[in-house]
Protein backbone atom coordinates (compact mmCIF):
# COMPACT_ATOMS: atom_id res chain seq x y z
CA MET A 1 39.88 -39.75 6.53
CA ILE A 2 41.11 -36.22 6.11
CA GLY A 3 44.75 -35.84 7.13
CA ALA A 4 46.10 -33.25 9.59
CA PRO A 5 47.77 -31.09 6.90
CA LEU A 6 44.49 -30.70 5.01
CA VAL A 7 42.59 -29.88 8.18
CA ALA A 8 45.20 -27.26 9.11
CA LEU A 9 45.03 -25.76 5.63
CA SER A 10 41.22 -25.72 5.81
CA LEU A 11 41.29 -23.84 9.12
CA ALA A 12 43.74 -21.32 7.73
CA LEU A 13 41.46 -20.68 4.75
CA VAL A 14 38.43 -20.11 6.93
CA ALA A 15 40.38 -17.68 9.11
CA ALA A 16 41.61 -15.73 6.07
CA GLY A 17 38.07 -14.99 4.88
CA SER A 18 36.58 -15.23 1.44
CA PRO A 19 37.77 -13.34 -1.63
CA ASN A 20 34.56 -11.34 -1.93
CA ASP A 21 34.46 -9.92 1.60
CA ARG A 22 38.01 -8.53 1.57
CA LEU A 23 38.96 -7.76 -2.02
CA GLY A 24 37.41 -4.29 -2.11
CA ALA A 25 39.17 -3.12 1.02
CA ALA A 26 42.47 -4.69 0.11
CA VAL A 27 42.97 -3.26 -3.37
CA ALA A 28 41.48 0.21 -2.86
CA SER A 29 44.15 2.84 -3.48
CA GLU A 30 44.55 6.47 -4.25
CA ALA A 31 44.65 7.69 -7.87
CA HIS A 32 48.00 7.25 -9.60
CA THR A 33 49.49 10.13 -11.52
CA GLU A 34 52.22 8.00 -13.02
CA SER A 35 51.61 6.08 -16.25
CA SER A 36 50.74 2.44 -15.58
CA ARG A 37 50.09 -0.81 -17.41
CA PHE A 38 48.35 -4.06 -16.58
CA LEU A 39 49.95 -7.47 -16.35
CA ALA A 40 48.35 -10.92 -15.92
CA ILE A 41 50.38 -13.64 -14.22
CA ASP A 42 49.33 -17.30 -14.43
CA VAL A 43 50.16 -19.48 -11.44
CA PHE A 44 50.82 -23.18 -12.16
CA VAL A 45 51.28 -26.10 -9.80
CA ASP A 46 52.84 -29.34 -11.04
CA SER A 47 51.98 -32.26 -8.76
CA GLY A 48 53.37 -34.95 -11.01
CA ASP A 49 51.28 -38.09 -10.86
CA TRP A 50 49.66 -37.09 -7.55
CA PRO A 51 46.07 -35.83 -7.63
CA LEU A 52 46.19 -32.23 -6.33
CA ALA A 53 43.44 -31.54 -3.79
CA SER A 54 44.82 -28.48 -1.97
CA TRP A 55 47.58 -25.94 -2.25
CA GLN A 56 48.90 -22.78 -0.61
CA ILE A 57 51.25 -20.40 -2.42
CA GLU A 58 52.95 -17.16 -1.38
CA ILE A 59 53.95 -14.75 -4.14
CA GLU A 60 56.16 -11.77 -3.40
CA ASP A 61 56.67 -8.65 -5.52
CA GLU A 62 60.33 -7.86 -4.98
CA THR A 63 60.14 -4.62 -6.97
CA HIS A 64 57.30 -3.14 -4.87
CA ALA A 65 56.09 -1.60 -8.11
CA MET A 66 52.92 -3.67 -8.62
CA GLU A 67 49.43 -3.45 -7.22
CA LEU A 68 47.18 -6.55 -7.22
CA VAL A 69 43.84 -5.64 -8.79
CA GLY A 70 42.23 -9.00 -9.41
CA ILE A 71 42.36 -12.77 -8.85
CA GLU A 72 40.80 -15.46 -11.06
CA GLY A 73 40.54 -19.20 -10.60
CA GLY A 74 42.36 -21.87 -12.53
CA GLU A 75 41.77 -23.95 -15.63
CA HIS A 76 40.80 -27.28 -14.02
CA PRO A 77 37.20 -27.52 -12.70
CA ALA A 78 38.53 -28.38 -9.21
CA PHE A 79 40.15 -24.94 -8.97
CA ALA A 80 37.96 -22.89 -11.32
CA ARG A 81 36.72 -20.63 -8.51
CA PRO A 82 39.10 -17.86 -7.34
CA PRO A 83 41.30 -19.02 -4.50
CA THR A 84 41.02 -17.70 -0.96
CA PHE A 85 43.69 -15.11 -0.17
CA ASP A 86 45.16 -13.15 2.70
CA ALA A 87 44.07 -9.60 2.16
CA ALA A 88 46.46 -8.19 4.80
CA ALA A 89 49.47 -9.51 2.88
CA PHE A 90 48.75 -7.03 0.06
CA LEU A 91 50.11 -4.28 2.30
CA HIS A 92 53.48 -6.01 2.33
CA HIS A 93 53.84 -6.53 -1.46
CA ARG A 94 52.87 -10.17 -1.40
CA VAL A 95 49.82 -12.35 -1.79
CA ILE A 96 49.07 -15.64 -0.09
CA LEU A 97 46.66 -17.81 -2.08
CA ALA A 98 45.08 -21.14 -1.12
CA SER A 99 42.43 -23.54 -2.29
CA PHE A 100 41.21 -26.97 -1.36
CA GLN A 101 38.68 -29.36 -2.80
CA LEU A 102 36.95 -32.36 -1.25
CA ASP A 103 35.27 -33.60 -4.43
CA GLY A 104 37.08 -34.82 -7.54
CA PRO A 105 38.14 -35.24 -10.14
CA PHE A 106 41.46 -33.69 -9.22
CA PRO A 107 44.19 -32.49 -11.58
CA THR A 108 47.52 -34.20 -11.96
CA HIS A 109 50.70 -32.86 -13.50
CA ARG A 110 50.96 -29.17 -14.43
CA THR A 111 47.76 -27.14 -14.10
CA ARG A 112 46.96 -23.42 -13.87
CA VAL A 113 45.49 -22.86 -10.40
CA ALA A 114 45.04 -19.07 -10.56
CA ARG A 115 45.51 -15.95 -12.66
CA LEU A 116 46.57 -12.70 -10.94
CA HIS A 117 46.02 -9.25 -12.43
CA PHE A 118 48.43 -6.44 -11.50
CA ARG A 119 48.69 -2.75 -12.26
CA MET A 120 52.28 -1.55 -12.38
CA ARG A 121 54.30 1.50 -13.18
CA GLU A 122 54.92 1.71 -16.93
CA GLN A 123 58.73 1.53 -16.69
CA SER A 124 58.88 -1.19 -14.03
CA ILE A 125 60.32 -4.64 -14.64
CA PRO A 126 58.36 -7.03 -12.48
CA LYS A 127 60.12 -9.57 -10.31
CA LEU A 128 57.79 -12.08 -8.66
CA VAL A 129 59.00 -14.89 -6.45
CA ALA A 130 56.60 -17.79 -5.77
CA HIS A 131 56.86 -20.22 -2.87
CA LEU A 132 54.71 -23.32 -2.61
CA ARG A 133 53.92 -23.55 1.10
CA ALA A 134 51.82 -26.73 0.95
CA ALA A 135 50.24 -29.16 -1.51
CA THR A 136 48.17 -32.18 -0.55
CA SER A 137 46.67 -35.19 -2.23
CA VAL A 138 43.04 -36.32 -1.90
CA ASP A 139 43.83 -38.14 1.36
CA GLY A 140 45.27 -35.02 2.94
CA GLU A 141 48.89 -36.14 2.75
CA LEU A 142 51.54 -33.59 1.84
CA ILE A 143 52.94 -34.13 -1.65
CA ALA A 144 55.94 -32.78 -3.52
CA ALA A 145 54.95 -30.23 -6.14
CA ASP A 146 56.43 -27.31 -8.02
CA VAL A 147 55.03 -23.81 -8.52
CA GLU A 148 55.67 -21.54 -11.49
CA THR A 149 54.47 -18.07 -12.47
CA VAL A 150 54.38 -17.01 -16.12
CA PRO A 151 52.92 -13.99 -17.94
CA GLY A 152 49.33 -14.63 -18.90
CA GLU A 153 47.01 -12.93 -21.34
CA GLU A 154 45.46 -9.67 -20.26
CA PRO A 155 41.99 -9.06 -21.75
C-alpha cells in the first residue's frame, strides 16, 4: 500500500508539471553583457540503510548570481531521468526538485540524484543552501536522510 506521504508527493509532482514542458520558459533570459562561467552542482541524498523511493529537495542561491540552465538525472537507474521541478521557483533564486519511483531496485546510502548546471557571473562565489523536504522508502513512509551539494564536472 502506498503511504500518505508518497501520495502527497506524487500529487505535488503532477501539479508542478514535467521538466520538458516548462524548462524553456523558465530559463529563457536576456543576453548577458557581463563575463560568465558555467558550474555543475551534484545533488546527493544519503538514506542510510533505507531504500530511497522518493525525495523532494529545495536549493536556494543565496548570492542571486546564478542562473539555472540545465537539470540532469542521477547516477542510480531509479533516478536516472531528470527530476520534476518547480519552474516558478527559478524566479526567486531557488529550485525545487522531486522524484519518485514505484519500481525497484532502489538505492541505499549516498547516491547522486541530480546534477544542476548554472551560469554565473565570472567573479561570483556561489553559495547554495540545500534543504531536504521529504524522503520516503518503498512503502511510502518518511525516512531520515541527508542532502549534500558538491561541485560536479562540467562538460
